[in-house]
Amino acid sequence: MTDYDDVEILLVEDSDSDAEMTMRAFKRSNFVNRLYRVRDGVEALDFVMCRGAFADRDANQMPKVLLLDLKMPRLNGLDVLRELKSRPETKAIPVVVMTSSHQDRDIEQCYQLGVNGYVTKPVQFDSFSEAIANIGMYWLTVNEVKR
């Protein structure tokens, strides 16, 4: 078992400041356990599919939720979402898009691809923290996952 095997939240975020704010918001809401961050879509797919730097990760240990930014280098969030939701072995992983985009086109495309939730990142930390608390409460404590 590796350090990656007990990850409950996979944060896919290229911005260090947004990632830090997300991690602080989870801690503030007492959701401090087993969050792992990757910086782009390529790393996200490598993590979930247990390849590359994550080849030794247990493929049976999937995150309870994947928080996905849309605008990232190398491979954007839409491409990650498309890949995850097209594969039988990863289709059931709940994916919540967390982005600054309010564009109807992005929202519609995400839902067409099978996203489980779409959250526009609030600018104010208190509002952002509240959004994270709501995400954590539902996806980590209320939602049932296949074991």
Foldseek 3Di string as FASTA:
>chain_A
DDLLQQAQEEEAAQDPVVVVLLQVLCVVLVNNPHYHYDRHLVVVCCCQVLDDVRVVHDNVRDHLEYEAEADHPPAGRLRSLLVQCVDPSRNQHAYEYEYQDPDPVVVVSSVVSPHPYYHHQDPDSVVNSVVSSVVCCCSVPPDDDDD
